[in-house]
Protein backbone atom coordinates (compact mmCIF):
# COMPACT_ATOMS: atom_id res chain seq x y z
CA UNK A 1 -10.16 10.78 34.61
CA UNK A 2 -7.08 9.00 36.15
CA UNK A 3 -4.59 8.42 33.60
CA UNK A 4 -2.17 5.67 33.16
CA UNK A 5 0.94 7.60 34.93
CA UNK A 6 -1.11 7.69 37.85
CA UNK A 7 -2.10 4.30 38.34
CA UNK A 8 1.33 3.07 37.48
CA UNK A 9 2.60 5.08 40.30
CA UNK A 10 0.07 3.50 42.43
CA UNK A 11 1.34 0.34 41.63
CA UNK A 12 4.99 0.87 42.16
CA UNK A 13 4.44 2.24 45.55
CA UNK A 14 2.33 -0.61 46.16
CA UNK A 15 5.28 -3.16 45.18
CA UNK A 16 8.32 -1.33 46.30
CA UNK A 17 7.09 0.03 49.70
CA UNK A 18 7.93 3.66 49.12
CA UNK A 19 7.47 6.77 47.01
CA UNK A 20 11.10 7.07 46.97
CA UNK A 21 11.52 3.55 45.15
CA UNK A 22 8.64 4.02 43.18
CA UNK A 23 10.38 7.22 41.69
CA UNK A 24 13.60 5.75 41.10
CA UNK A 25 11.98 2.14 39.01
CA UNK A 26 10.60 4.98 37.01
CA UNK A 27 12.67 7.32 36.45
CA UNK A 28 10.94 10.03 38.00
CA UNK A 29 11.23 12.74 40.57
CA UNK A 30 9.69 12.10 44.46
CA UNK A 31 7.99 15.26 43.86
CA UNK A 32 6.39 13.85 40.10
CA UNK A 33 4.91 10.65 42.03
CA UNK A 34 3.47 12.63 45.13
CA UNK A 35 1.69 14.75 42.62
CA UNK A 36 0.33 11.63 40.59
CA UNK A 37 -0.67 10.15 44.03
CA UNK A 38 -2.22 13.23 44.86
CA UNK A 39 -4.52 13.92 41.48
CA UNK A 40 -5.37 10.21 42.16
CA UNK A 41 -6.48 10.17 45.33
CA UNK A 42 -8.43 13.51 44.81
CA UNK A 43 -10.00 12.24 41.62
CA UNK A 44 -10.60 8.23 43.87
CA UNK A 45 -12.08 10.72 46.91
CA UNK A 46 -10.54 8.69 49.47
CA UNK A 47 -7.26 8.36 50.48
CA UNK A 48 -5.50 5.54 48.48
CA UNK A 49 -2.15 5.03 50.59
CA UNK A 50 -0.92 5.80 54.57
CA UNK A 51 2.40 6.93 55.35
CA UNK A 52 3.98 4.65 57.80
CA UNK A 53 8.15 5.06 59.70
CA UNK A 54 9.05 1.90 57.10
CA UNK A 55 7.43 3.33 53.85
CA UNK A 56 3.90 3.31 52.46
CA UNK A 57 1.20 1.28 53.08
CA UNK A 58 -2.45 1.07 50.72
CA UNK A 59 -5.65 1.52 51.92
CA UNK A 60 -8.25 -0.74 51.10
CA UNK A 61 -9.64 2.11 48.59
CA UNK A 62 -5.82 1.50 47.31
CA UNK A 63 -5.55 -2.05 46.96
CA UNK A 64 -9.04 -2.62 45.99
CA UNK A 65 -7.44 -0.92 42.26
CA UNK A 66 -4.50 -3.17 42.36
CA UNK A 67 -5.47 -6.01 40.41
CA UNK A 68 -6.91 -4.10 37.78
CA UNK A 69 -3.76 -1.68 37.20
CA UNK A 70 -1.59 -4.95 37.38
CA UNK A 71 -4.23 -6.40 34.00
CA UNK A 72 -3.52 -2.40 32.54
CA UNK A 73 0.36 -2.98 32.83
CA UNK A 74 0.33 -6.15 31.42
CA UNK A 75 -1.86 -4.98 28.52
CA UNK A 76 0.41 -1.63 28.00
CA UNK A 77 3.72 -3.79 27.85
CA UNK A 78 1.68 -6.41 25.26
CA UNK A 79 0.81 -3.13 23.05
CA UNK A 80 4.51 -1.68 23.68
CA UNK A 81 5.84 -5.38 22.35
CA UNK A 82 3.21 -4.94 19.29
CA UNK A 83 4.61 -1.60 18.40
CA UNK A 84 8.44 -2.53 18.89
CA UNK A 85 7.48 -5.48 16.76
CA UNK A 86 5.89 -3.28 14.13
CA UNK A 87 9.02 -0.75 14.28
CA UNK A 88 11.42 -3.46 13.10
CA UNK A 89 9.04 -4.64 10.29
CA UNK A 90 8.96 -8.07 12.33
CA UNK A 91 5.00 -7.76 11.88
CA UNK A 92 2.31 -5.67 10.34
CA UNK A 93 0.14 -5.18 7.30
CA UNK A 94 0.55 -3.59 3.83
CA UNK A 95 -2.84 -2.65 2.04
CA UNK A 96 -2.63 -2.72 -1.61
CA UNK A 97 -5.19 -1.51 -4.37
CA UNK A 98 -4.05 -1.55 -7.88
CA UNK A 99 -5.88 -1.87 -11.51
CA UNK A 100 -5.52 -5.51 -12.67
CA UNK A 101 -2.93 -5.02 -15.28
CA UNK A 102 -0.56 -3.69 -12.78
CA UNK A 103 -1.18 -6.25 -10.08
CA UNK A 104 -0.81 -8.69 -12.48
CA UNK A 105 2.39 -7.51 -14.61
CA UNK A 106 4.29 -5.17 -13.21
CA UNK A 107 4.02 -5.74 -8.98
CA UNK A 108 5.44 -9.51 -8.36
CA UNK A 109 8.51 -8.95 -8.60
CA UNK A 110 8.54 -5.82 -6.09
CA UNK A 111 6.19 -7.71 -3.93
CA UNK A 112 8.58 -11.14 -4.16
CA UNK A 113 11.59 -8.81 -2.95
CA UNK A 114 9.68 -6.97 0.04
CA UNK A 115 8.30 -10.31 1.35
CA UNK A 116 11.91 -11.81 1.00
CA UNK A 117 13.12 -8.32 3.44
CA UNK A 118 10.03 -8.48 5.75
CA UNK A 119 8.45 -11.80 5.65
CA UNK A 120 6.40 -11.22 8.99
CA UNK A 121 4.24 -8.86 7.08
CA UNK A 122 0.87 -9.68 5.72
CA UNK A 123 0.36 -8.45 2.06
CA UNK A 124 -3.51 -7.52 0.99
CA UNK A 125 -3.38 -6.94 -2.81
CA UNK A 126 -7.26 -6.47 -3.82
CA UNK A 127 -7.18 -5.21 -7.78
CA UNK A 128 -9.46 -5.19 -10.25
CA UNK A 129 -12.76 -2.71 -11.00
CA UNK A 130 -14.43 -3.70 -8.58
CA UNK A 131 -11.94 -3.02 -5.55
CA UNK A 132 -11.04 0.27 -7.11
CA UNK A 133 -14.38 2.41 -7.16
CA UNK A 134 -15.23 0.82 -3.64
CA UNK A 135 -11.54 1.33 -2.09
CA UNK A 136 -11.85 3.33 1.36
CA UNK A 137 -8.47 5.43 1.05
CA UNK A 138 -8.27 5.41 4.81
CA UNK A 139 -7.65 1.51 4.18
CA UNK A 140 -5.15 1.35 1.77
CA UNK A 141 -1.85 2.66 1.95
CA UNK A 142 -0.86 2.65 -1.72
CA UNK A 143 -2.94 2.75 -5.08
CA UNK A 144 -1.53 1.78 -8.45
CA UNK A 145 -3.38 3.02 -11.55
CA UNK A 146 -2.54 3.29 -15.35
CA UNK A 147 -2.68 6.46 -17.32
CA UNK A 148 -6.16 8.27 -16.71
CA UNK A 149 -7.72 5.99 -14.26
CA UNK A 150 -10.34 7.14 -12.46
CA UNK A 151 -9.33 7.48 -8.92
CA UNK A 152 -11.42 7.10 -6.02
CA UNK A 153 -11.98 10.22 -4.10
CA UNK A 154 -8.87 10.58 -1.77
CA UNK A 155 -7.85 12.75 1.52
CA UNK A 156 -5.55 15.66 1.00
CA UNK A 157 -2.44 14.34 2.21
CA UNK A 158 -2.03 11.43 -0.59
CA UNK A 159 -0.11 12.47 -3.39
CA UNK A 160 -0.07 11.31 -7.19
CA UNK A 161 3.16 10.25 -8.63
CA UNK A 162 4.63 8.94 -11.62
CA UNK A 163 5.80 5.38 -11.37
CA UNK A 164 6.75 3.78 -14.70
CA UNK A 165 6.29 4.41 -18.29
CA UNK A 166 6.48 1.58 -21.07
CA UNK A 167 7.35 1.15 -24.88
CA UNK A 168 4.38 0.48 -26.42
CA UNK A 169 4.75 -2.32 -28.92
CA UNK A 170 2.65 -4.03 -32.16
CA UNK A 171 1.67 -7.42 -31.63
CA UNK A 172 0.46 -9.65 -34.24
CA UNK A 173 -0.37 -13.47 -35.21
CA UNK A 174 3.22 -15.00 -35.73
CA UNK A 175 2.68 -15.56 -39.68
CA UNK A 176 0.61 -11.88 -40.07
CA UNK A 177 2.10 -9.83 -43.14
CA UNK A 178 3.32 -7.15 -40.23
CA UNK A 179 5.26 -9.46 -38.23
CA UNK A 180 8.81 -8.62 -37.76
CA UNK A 181 8.79 -5.76 -39.75
CA UNK A 182 10.32 -2.47 -38.64
CA UNK A 183 9.18 0.99 -39.25
CA UNK A 184 5.32 -0.19 -39.96
CA UNK A 185 3.22 3.03 -40.84
CA UNK A 186 -0.10 4.03 -38.99
CA UNK A 187 -1.51 3.69 -42.57
CA UNK A 188 -0.52 0.03 -42.76
CA UNK A 189 -2.00 -0.66 -38.96
CA UNK A 190 -5.33 1.13 -39.83
CA UNK A 191 -5.93 -1.76 -42.97
CA UNK A 192 -5.94 -4.80 -40.35
CA UNK A 193 -8.88 -5.63 -37.57
CA UNK A 194 -7.50 -4.27 -34.24
CA UNK A 195 -8.10 -6.15 -30.73
CA UNK A 196 -7.83 -3.71 -27.90
CA UNK A 197 -9.08 -3.19 -24.17
CA UNK A 198 -11.89 -1.17 -23.40
CA UNK A 199 -11.83 2.66 -22.68
CA UNK A 200 -9.69 3.64 -20.15
CA UNK A 201 -6.66 1.19 -20.29
CA UNK A 202 -3.59 3.41 -20.50
CA UNK A 203 -2.61 1.82 -23.55
CA UNK A 204 -5.75 2.43 -25.51
CA UNK A 205 -5.62 6.16 -24.35
CA UNK A 206 -2.31 6.80 -25.67
CA UNK A 207 -3.10 4.94 -28.31
CA UNK A 208 -6.52 6.51 -29.85
CA UNK A 209 -4.63 9.65 -28.70
CA UNK A 210 -1.90 9.06 -31.25
CA UNK A 211 -4.65 7.96 -33.96
CA UNK A 212 -6.52 11.13 -33.24
CA UNK A 213 -3.14 13.50 -33.70
CA UNK A 214 -2.47 11.18 -37.18
CA UNK A 215 -6.25 11.56 -38.76
CA UNK A 216 -6.64 7.75 -38.25
CA UNK A 217 -10.15 6.13 -37.73
CA UNK A 218 -9.74 2.13 -37.43
CA UNK A 219 -12.60 0.72 -39.72
CA UNK A 220 -12.58 -2.57 -37.65
CA UNK A 221 -11.54 -3.56 -34.23
CA UNK A 222 -12.84 -5.66 -31.23
CA UNK A 223 -12.90 -4.52 -27.83
CA UNK A 224 -11.95 -6.73 -24.72
CA UNK A 225 -12.30 -6.38 -20.95
CA UNK A 226 -8.54 -7.51 -20.19
CA UNK A 227 -5.07 -8.07 -21.59
CA UNK A 228 -5.45 -11.66 -21.72
CA UNK A 229 -8.00 -11.31 -23.57
CA UNK A 230 -6.10 -9.39 -25.99
CA UNK A 231 -3.39 -11.89 -26.34
CA UNK A 232 -5.57 -14.89 -26.42
CA UNK A 233 -7.82 -13.14 -29.60
CA UNK A 234 -4.33 -12.42 -31.42
CA UNK A 235 -3.08 -15.61 -30.90
CA UNK A 236 -6.49 -17.22 -32.68
CA UNK A 237 -5.17 -14.75 -35.66
CA UNK A 238 -8.43 -12.24 -35.02
CA UNK A 239 -6.05 -8.91 -35.72
CA UNK A 240 -3.19 -6.81 -34.50
CA UNK A 241 -2.86 -5.52 -31.22
CA UNK A 242 -1.06 -2.88 -28.74
CA UNK A 243 0.36 -3.37 -25.40
CA UNK A 244 3.39 -2.43 -23.34
CA UNK A 245 6.42 -4.23 -23.60
CA UNK A 246 6.94 -5.13 -20.22
CA UNK A 247 3.43 -7.54 -20.62
CA UNK A 248 4.64 -9.12 -23.66
CA UNK A 249 7.58 -10.03 -22.48
CA UNK A 250 5.88 -11.98 -19.55
CA UNK A 251 3.97 -14.01 -21.80
CA UNK A 252 6.14 -16.58 -24.16
CA UNK A 253 3.20 -18.83 -23.75
CA UNK A 254 0.85 -16.28 -26.34
CA UNK A 255 2.44 -17.39 -29.33
CA UNK A 256 2.68 -13.56 -31.09
CA UNK A 257 5.07 -11.61 -33.06
CA UNK A 258 5.65 -7.81 -32.55
CA UNK A 259 6.39 -4.84 -35.48
CA UNK A 260 8.24 -1.61 -34.74
CA UNK A 261 6.10 1.25 -35.94
CA UNK A 262 7.47 4.56 -37.08
CA UNK A 263 8.20 7.17 -34.91
CA UNK A 264 5.30 7.89 -32.48
CA UNK A 265 4.65 9.92 -29.46
CA UNK A 266 2.78 6.69 -27.27
CA UNK A 267 3.90 6.14 -24.38
CA UNK A 268 2.42 3.66 -21.33
CA UNK A 269 2.10 5.38 -18.25
CA UNK A 270 1.83 4.08 -14.56
CA UNK A 271 1.08 5.87 -11.48
CA UNK A 272 0.75 5.71 -7.94
CA UNK A 273 -1.09 7.43 -5.26
CA UNK A 274 0.04 7.14 -1.95
CA UNK A 275 0.40 9.71 1.49
CA UNK A 276 3.01 12.24 1.53
CA UNK A 277 5.92 11.34 2.99
CA UNK A 278 5.23 12.73 6.41
CA UNK A 279 2.30 10.40 6.91
CA UNK A 280 3.23 7.11 5.58
CA UNK A 281 4.09 3.92 7.70
CA UNK A 282 7.32 2.84 8.17
CA UNK A 283 6.37 -0.38 6.26
CA UNK A 284 4.83 1.63 3.25
CA UNK A 285 7.90 3.87 3.22
CA UNK A 286 10.03 0.71 2.88
CA UNK A 287 7.56 -1.09 -0.05
CA UNK A 288 8.19 2.31 -1.72
CA UNK A 289 11.86 2.10 -1.48
CA UNK A 290 11.77 -1.14 -3.01
CA UNK A 291 9.29 -0.43 -6.23
CA UNK A 292 11.85 2.89 -6.66
CA UNK A 293 14.97 0.77 -6.77
CA UNK A 294 14.32 -2.13 -9.12
């Protein structure tokens, strides 16, 4: 099969009229250009050029290849341009899959900073259980997930990286007996209806682990599908709940209060799964630098 170096060498000879001039233009030795032309001629099966007193002249077979080689050169220049733009992070795309909670409450400030620095990069962000389970790792640059979320099957070159931890606070209606109190005991919490997310969320997993450790079994609770529903239910005075301090800070519209629990071991852990450093794209590397700086 003819390769691009052989074809472009023939084009250079056709345009410049000699092998020596083509070698100088292509920054190669004359022997290297002659060898490329020899191999191309052998592959085609008939002479592509003849030597004359004033240089080299293409045969009919050689001239017939030139229009297609010119198109090849244009395409290769376009490819070089795309690569150069991607290397300078002028254009490209970053594909992120995340749980809804992280996408809505943790990622936005990092995405804003990345967009400010690299406005030409298109961001594709898919969040929620549907995308999480169906995501193909080969089409995703980075996954963000909470605690023990079940990851899709990942290639061997992906690694799981602890990303953030956040304090878990008790959230109550504004006029609840626990509102604003310090060092609330777990026994007191047990006596009120609890509103929490479905099993699988990092906060709920941390709460349940602490409850088991203390021998506490909630008697009345409401289970909802997302953090927005937790806030809405607490706001409606249907019970108390738990959430990370980071989420609560961004939802002043909920009109709720907080209470401080006695000393405990609960912590909200977030993780990301990304290719190992030697397998990351340049734009992913820049994004990961940003999310670990703020």
